[in-house]
Every structure is written in C-alpha cells, then in structure tokens.
Amino acid sequence: MMPPCMLSLANTPFWHRAHKAFATKAGRLWNNALTVEISITMPALTLATLRTGEIATIVSIHAEEALHQRLLALGFRSGKHIELIRKASFSGPLQVRIGTTDILLRRNEAAKIKVCKT
C-alpha cells in the first residue's frame, strides 16, 4: 500500500522506449518493462501550515522521543485524519481534532508533524 501522498505513474505512457530499455530518474536502465515504476512524492506540509477548517492525513512525526511518545498516546498516528479547528492569535496554540478528540498543540510541536491534504 502506498502512503497517502504518493502518486504512481506505472501505467502511464511516461517512458521513452529505446532498444527495449527503460530509463529511470536515477539514470539506471531496466530491460524488463514490468519492473519499472516511479512514484512522485507530493510535497508534505506541516500541521502548523494548514488553514482553519482543512482536513489532512498524518504522514509522519519528526520529533524527539519524549514528544513522539506523547503524541502517539494522544492518537497521532500515520494515516489518521486530522482537522485544524482553530489557530490562536500571536503564535498561540492550535486546536486540532482527531476523530472525536480535540487537542491543543504548541505551534513548534505542530511543525514537527508532516501531513498531506485530503
């Protein structure tokens, strides 16, 4: 299963055939057309950059161990849908909703959570 921000171009006429070999982005050649598949990663945003009311999917959490464990305990897991409810002014906390739970996060903590808009 591909991550939520991956786009597969395996079945599109993207490659130029030359002597039955296919070139990849890295420049390597493959002789078997069935083994060629590229994935273009869409740019992942952080939770802090979302706008109010937007819904996204958590891609990854890049935090130190203590914060990572705390976020896991609160329900922040890869693949979960998260909604930004509101942003406090003057760099205040963010209110997010995971499922039916509302959580307040500092902006620097939210900046460590990579998301993909849905």
N, C-alpha and C. Protein backbone atom coordinates (compact mmCIF):
# COMPACT_ATOMS: atom_id res chain seq x y z
N MET A 1 0.84 -1.19 0.00
CA MET A 1 0.00 0.00 0.00
C MET A 1 0.88 1.25 0.00
N MET A 2 0.58 2.20 -0.88
CA MET A 2 1.38 3.41 -0.97
C MET A 2 0.94 4.39 0.10
N PRO A 3 1.88 5.21 0.61
CA PRO A 3 1.50 6.27 1.54
C PRO A 3 0.49 7.21 0.89
N PRO A 4 -0.27 7.95 1.67
CA PRO A 4 -1.34 8.78 1.12
C PRO A 4 -0.87 9.88 0.19
N CYS A 5 0.40 10.25 0.21
CA CYS A 5 0.87 11.34 -0.64
C CYS A 5 1.67 10.84 -1.84
N MET A 6 1.53 9.59 -2.18
CA MET A 6 2.29 9.05 -3.29
C MET A 6 1.40 8.91 -4.52
N LEU A 7 1.96 9.20 -5.67
CA LEU A 7 1.26 9.08 -6.94
C LEU A 7 2.06 8.15 -7.82
N SER A 8 1.45 7.07 -8.29
CA SER A 8 2.16 6.11 -9.10
C SER A 8 1.91 6.39 -10.58
N LEU A 9 2.99 6.35 -11.36
CA LEU A 9 2.90 6.56 -12.80
C LEU A 9 3.24 5.29 -13.56
N ALA A 10 3.05 4.13 -12.95
CA ALA A 10 3.47 2.87 -13.56
C ALA A 10 2.71 2.54 -14.83
N ASN A 11 1.44 2.88 -14.93
CA ASN A 11 0.64 2.50 -16.09
C ASN A 11 0.40 3.65 -17.06
N THR A 12 1.23 4.66 -17.00
CA THR A 12 1.09 5.79 -17.91
C THR A 12 2.19 5.75 -18.95
N PRO A 13 1.94 6.26 -20.17
CA PRO A 13 2.97 6.25 -21.22
C PRO A 13 4.00 7.36 -20.98
N PHE A 14 4.81 7.19 -19.94
CA PHE A 14 5.72 8.22 -19.50
C PHE A 14 7.13 8.01 -20.02
N TRP A 15 7.51 6.76 -20.26
CA TRP A 15 8.87 6.42 -20.61
C TRP A 15 9.07 6.38 -22.12
N HIS A 16 10.23 6.75 -22.55
CA HIS A 16 10.62 6.68 -23.95
C HIS A 16 11.32 5.34 -24.18
N ARG A 17 10.81 4.55 -25.14
CA ARG A 17 11.42 3.26 -25.42
C ARG A 17 12.61 3.45 -26.36
N ALA A 18 13.72 2.90 -25.97
CA ALA A 18 14.91 2.91 -26.81
C ALA A 18 15.60 1.56 -26.64
N HIS A 19 15.57 0.75 -27.66
CA HIS A 19 16.19 -0.57 -27.65
C HIS A 19 15.67 -1.44 -26.51
N LYS A 20 14.37 -1.35 -26.25
CA LYS A 20 13.71 -2.14 -25.21
C LYS A 20 14.29 -1.92 -23.82
N ALA A 21 14.82 -0.76 -23.58
CA ALA A 21 15.35 -0.43 -22.25
C ALA A 21 14.60 0.80 -21.75
N PHE A 22 14.43 0.89 -20.45
CA PHE A 22 13.71 1.99 -19.84
C PHE A 22 14.65 2.72 -18.89
N ALA A 23 14.64 4.02 -18.97
CA ALA A 23 15.50 4.82 -18.09
C ALA A 23 14.70 5.25 -16.87
N THR A 24 15.35 5.30 -15.73
CA THR A 24 14.73 5.78 -14.51
C THR A 24 15.25 7.17 -14.21
N LYS A 25 14.69 7.80 -13.18
CA LYS A 25 15.14 9.13 -12.81
C LYS A 25 16.61 9.11 -12.38
N ALA A 26 17.05 8.01 -11.79
CA ALA A 26 18.44 7.92 -11.33
C ALA A 26 19.39 7.62 -12.48
N GLY A 27 18.88 7.35 -13.69
CA GLY A 27 19.73 7.11 -14.83
C GLY A 27 20.03 5.64 -15.08
N ARG A 28 19.54 4.75 -14.23
CA ARG A 28 19.78 3.33 -14.44
C ARG A 28 18.85 2.81 -15.52
N LEU A 29 19.24 1.74 -16.15
CA LEU A 29 18.43 1.14 -17.20
C LEU A 29 17.87 -0.20 -16.74
N TRP A 30 16.62 -0.44 -17.09
CA TRP A 30 15.96 -1.70 -16.78
C TRP A 30 15.51 -2.32 -18.10
N ASN A 31 15.76 -3.59 -18.28
CA ASN A 31 15.36 -4.26 -19.51
C ASN A 31 13.95 -4.84 -19.42
N ASN A 32 13.42 -4.96 -18.26
CA ASN A 32 12.09 -5.54 -18.08
C ASN A 32 11.10 -4.41 -17.79
N ALA A 33 10.14 -4.22 -18.68
CA ALA A 33 9.17 -3.14 -18.52
C ALA A 33 8.29 -3.31 -17.30
N LEU A 34 8.13 -4.53 -16.82
CA LEU A 34 7.28 -4.76 -15.68
C LEU A 34 7.90 -4.31 -14.37
N THR A 35 9.21 -4.14 -14.33
CA THR A 35 9.87 -3.72 -13.10
C THR A 35 9.95 -2.21 -12.97
N VAL A 36 9.57 -1.48 -13.99
CA VAL A 36 9.68 -0.03 -13.95
C VAL A 36 8.43 0.57 -13.32
N GLU A 37 8.64 1.28 -12.25
CA GLU A 37 7.55 2.01 -11.61
C GLU A 37 8.18 3.18 -10.89
N ILE A 38 7.65 4.37 -11.11
CA ILE A 38 8.16 5.53 -10.40
C ILE A 38 7.05 6.08 -9.54
N SER A 39 7.43 6.70 -8.48
CA SER A 39 6.49 7.35 -7.60
C SER A 39 6.94 8.78 -7.39
N ILE A 40 6.03 9.71 -7.58
CA ILE A 40 6.34 11.10 -7.35
C ILE A 40 5.71 11.48 -6.02
N THR A 41 6.53 11.95 -5.11
CA THR A 41 6.04 12.33 -3.81
C THR A 41 5.53 13.76 -3.87
N MET A 42 4.29 13.95 -3.46
CA MET A 42 3.72 15.28 -3.39
C MET A 42 4.30 15.97 -2.16
N PRO A 43 4.48 17.27 -2.19
CA PRO A 43 5.11 17.93 -1.05
C PRO A 43 4.27 17.79 0.21
N ALA A 44 4.89 17.32 1.26
CA ALA A 44 4.19 17.17 2.53
C ALA A 44 4.23 18.51 3.28
N LEU A 45 3.12 18.88 3.84
CA LEU A 45 3.02 20.10 4.62
C LEU A 45 3.18 19.75 6.08
N THR A 46 3.34 20.76 6.91
CA THR A 46 3.31 20.53 8.34
C THR A 46 1.93 20.91 8.87
N LEU A 47 1.62 20.40 10.02
CA LEU A 47 0.33 20.69 10.64
C LEU A 47 0.19 22.18 10.94
N ALA A 48 1.30 22.84 11.23
CA ALA A 48 1.28 24.26 11.55
C ALA A 48 0.94 25.13 10.34
N THR A 49 1.13 24.62 9.12
CA THR A 49 0.88 25.43 7.93
C THR A 49 -0.53 25.26 7.38
N LEU A 50 -1.32 24.36 7.95
CA LEU A 50 -2.70 24.20 7.50
C LEU A 50 -3.53 25.42 7.85
N ARG A 51 -4.60 25.60 7.12
CA ARG A 51 -5.54 26.69 7.41
C ARG A 51 -6.70 26.14 8.22
N THR A 52 -7.39 27.03 8.89
CA THR A 52 -8.53 26.63 9.71
C THR A 52 -9.58 25.93 8.86
N GLY A 53 -10.05 24.77 9.34
CA GLY A 53 -11.08 24.01 8.65
C GLY A 53 -10.55 22.97 7.69
N GLU A 54 -9.26 22.97 7.40
CA GLU A 54 -8.71 22.00 6.47
C GLU A 54 -8.52 20.64 7.14
N ILE A 55 -8.73 19.60 6.36
CA ILE A 55 -8.56 18.23 6.84
C ILE A 55 -7.36 17.64 6.11
N ALA A 56 -6.53 16.91 6.84
CA ALA A 56 -5.32 16.32 6.27
C ALA A 56 -5.12 14.93 6.87
N THR A 57 -4.17 14.22 6.29
CA THR A 57 -3.78 12.89 6.78
C THR A 57 -2.37 12.99 7.31
N ILE A 58 -2.12 12.43 8.48
CA ILE A 58 -0.79 12.45 9.07
C ILE A 58 0.12 11.51 8.28
N VAL A 59 1.26 12.03 7.84
CA VAL A 59 2.23 11.26 7.09
C VAL A 59 3.32 10.74 8.02
N SER A 60 3.90 11.63 8.83
CA SER A 60 4.96 11.22 9.75
C SER A 60 5.10 12.25 10.86
N ILE A 61 5.79 11.83 11.91
CA ILE A 61 6.08 12.70 13.05
C ILE A 61 7.59 12.72 13.23
N HIS A 62 8.20 13.89 13.15
CA HIS A 62 9.64 14.05 13.29
C HIS A 62 9.93 14.83 14.57
N ALA A 63 9.88 14.15 15.70
CA ALA A 63 10.09 14.81 16.99
C ALA A 63 11.02 13.95 17.84
N GLU A 64 11.52 14.57 18.91
CA GLU A 64 12.35 13.81 19.85
C GLU A 64 11.48 12.74 20.51
N GLU A 65 12.14 11.77 21.12
CA GLU A 65 11.45 10.57 21.62
C GLU A 65 10.32 10.87 22.60
N ALA A 66 10.55 11.77 23.55
CA ALA A 66 9.53 12.05 24.57
C ALA A 66 8.27 12.66 23.94
N LEU A 67 8.45 13.63 23.04
CA LEU A 67 7.30 14.24 22.37
C LEU A 67 6.63 13.25 21.43
N HIS A 68 7.43 12.44 20.76
CA HIS A 68 6.86 11.43 19.86
C HIS A 68 5.97 10.46 20.63
N GLN A 69 6.42 9.99 21.78
CA GLN A 69 5.62 9.07 22.59
C GLN A 69 4.36 9.75 23.10
N ARG A 70 4.45 11.02 23.48
CA ARG A 70 3.28 11.76 23.95
C ARG A 70 2.24 11.91 22.84
N LEU A 71 2.70 12.24 21.64
CA LEU A 71 1.79 12.39 20.51
C LEU A 71 1.14 11.05 20.14
N LEU A 72 1.91 9.96 20.21
CA LEU A 72 1.34 8.64 19.94
C LEU A 72 0.25 8.31 20.96
N ALA A 73 0.48 8.66 22.22
CA ALA A 73 -0.50 8.40 23.26
C ALA A 73 -1.77 9.23 23.06
N LEU A 74 -1.63 10.40 22.45
CA LEU A 74 -2.80 11.24 22.17
C LEU A 74 -3.54 10.83 20.91
N GLY A 75 -3.00 9.89 20.14
CA GLY A 75 -3.69 9.41 18.95
C GLY A 75 -3.12 9.86 17.63
N PHE A 76 -1.97 10.54 17.65
CA PHE A 76 -1.33 10.99 16.41
C PHE A 76 -0.57 9.82 15.81
N ARG A 77 -1.14 9.22 14.78
CA ARG A 77 -0.52 8.08 14.10
C ARG A 77 -0.54 8.33 12.60
N SER A 78 0.41 7.76 11.89
CA SER A 78 0.44 7.89 10.44
C SER A 78 -0.82 7.29 9.84
N GLY A 79 -1.42 8.01 8.90
CA GLY A 79 -2.63 7.55 8.25
C GLY A 79 -3.92 8.06 8.87
N LYS A 80 -3.84 8.68 10.04
CA LYS A 80 -5.05 9.20 10.70
C LYS A 80 -5.41 10.55 10.11
N HIS A 81 -6.71 10.81 10.00
CA HIS A 81 -7.20 12.10 9.52
C HIS A 81 -7.21 13.09 10.67
N ILE A 82 -6.79 14.32 10.37
CA ILE A 82 -6.72 15.36 11.38
C ILE A 82 -7.31 16.63 10.80
N GLU A 83 -8.07 17.35 11.62
CA GLU A 83 -8.70 18.60 11.17
C GLU A 83 -8.22 19.74 12.04
N LEU A 84 -7.84 20.85 11.41
CA LEU A 84 -7.44 22.03 12.16
C LEU A 84 -8.69 22.84 12.48
N ILE A 85 -9.02 22.94 13.74
CA ILE A 85 -10.23 23.64 14.17
C ILE A 85 -9.99 25.14 14.26
N ARG A 86 -8.93 25.54 14.96
CA ARG A 86 -8.64 26.97 15.05
C ARG A 86 -7.20 27.21 15.42
N LYS A 87 -6.72 28.41 15.07
CA LYS A 87 -5.38 28.87 15.42
C LYS A 87 -5.54 30.08 16.33
N ALA A 88 -4.85 30.05 17.45
CA ALA A 88 -4.87 31.21 18.33
C ALA A 88 -3.97 32.30 17.75
N SER A 89 -4.31 33.53 18.04
CA SER A 89 -3.51 34.64 17.52
C SER A 89 -2.20 34.77 18.29
N PHE A 90 -1.29 35.57 17.75
CA PHE A 90 0.01 35.85 18.36
C PHE A 90 0.80 34.57 18.63
N SER A 91 0.86 33.69 17.66
CA SER A 91 1.63 32.45 17.73
C SER A 91 1.20 31.56 18.89
N GLY A 92 -0.09 31.58 19.17
CA GLY A 92 -0.64 30.74 20.22
C GLY A 92 -0.83 29.31 19.75
N PRO A 93 -1.47 28.49 20.57
CA PRO A 93 -1.63 27.08 20.23
C PRO A 93 -2.64 26.83 19.11
N LEU A 94 -2.59 25.62 18.56
CA LEU A 94 -3.52 25.17 17.54
C LEU A 94 -4.48 24.18 18.16
N GLN A 95 -5.74 24.25 17.79
CA GLN A 95 -6.72 23.25 18.22
C GLN A 95 -6.97 22.33 17.04
N VAL A 96 -6.69 21.03 17.24
CA VAL A 96 -6.88 20.04 16.18
C VAL A 96 -7.84 18.98 16.67
N ARG A 97 -8.46 18.30 15.72
CA ARG A 97 -9.41 17.23 16.04
C ARG A 97 -8.97 15.95 15.34
N ILE A 98 -8.78 14.91 16.13
CA ILE A 98 -8.52 13.57 15.61
C ILE A 98 -9.68 12.71 16.07
N GLY A 99 -10.46 12.25 15.11
CA GLY A 99 -11.68 11.50 15.46
C GLY A 99 -12.65 12.43 16.17
N THR A 100 -12.96 12.13 17.44
CA THR A 100 -13.85 12.99 18.22
C THR A 100 -13.10 13.71 19.32
N THR A 101 -11.78 13.63 19.32
CA THR A 101 -10.96 14.23 20.37
C THR A 101 -10.35 15.54 19.89
N ASP A 102 -10.52 16.60 20.67
CA ASP A 102 -9.90 17.89 20.38
C ASP A 102 -8.64 18.03 21.24
N ILE A 103 -7.55 18.46 20.61
CA ILE A 103 -6.26 18.57 21.28
C ILE A 103 -5.66 19.93 20.96
N LEU A 104 -5.04 20.57 21.95
CA LEU A 104 -4.32 21.81 21.74
C LEU A 104 -2.83 21.51 21.67
N LEU A 105 -2.17 22.04 20.64
CA LEU A 105 -0.74 21.83 20.43
C LEU A 105 -0.03 23.16 20.30
N ARG A 106 1.21 23.21 20.79
CA ARG A 106 2.04 24.38 20.51
C ARG A 106 2.39 24.37 19.03
N ARG A 107 2.66 25.54 18.48
CA ARG A 107 2.98 25.62 17.05
C ARG A 107 4.29 24.92 16.72
N ASN A 108 5.27 24.97 17.62
CA ASN A 108 6.53 24.28 17.33
C ASN A 108 6.35 22.77 17.36
N GLU A 109 5.42 22.26 18.15
CA GLU A 109 5.11 20.83 18.14
C GLU A 109 4.36 20.47 16.85
N ALA A 110 3.43 21.32 16.43
CA ALA A 110 2.67 21.07 15.21
C ALA A 110 3.57 21.12 13.97
N ALA A 111 4.64 21.89 14.03
CA ALA A 111 5.55 21.99 12.90
C ALA A 111 6.35 20.70 12.70
N LYS A 112 6.36 19.81 13.67
CA LYS A 112 7.09 18.55 13.56
C LYS A 112 6.23 17.42 13.01
N ILE A 113 4.97 17.72 12.71
CA ILE A 113 4.04 16.71 12.21
C ILE A 113 3.81 16.98 10.73
N LYS A 114 4.23 16.06 9.87
CA LYS A 114 4.05 16.18 8.42
C LYS A 114 2.67 15.62 8.06
N VAL A 115 1.93 16.37 7.24
CA VAL A 115 0.60 15.97 6.82
C VAL A 115 0.46 16.11 5.31
N CYS A 116 -0.58 15.51 4.78
CA CYS A 116 -0.91 15.60 3.37
C CYS A 116 -2.39 15.95 3.29
N LYS A 117 -2.72 17.01 2.57
CA LYS A 117 -4.12 17.43 2.46
C LYS A 117 -4.94 16.35 1.75
N THR A 118 -6.18 16.18 2.21
CA THR A 118 -7.08 15.22 1.56
C THR A 118 -8.16 15.93 0.80
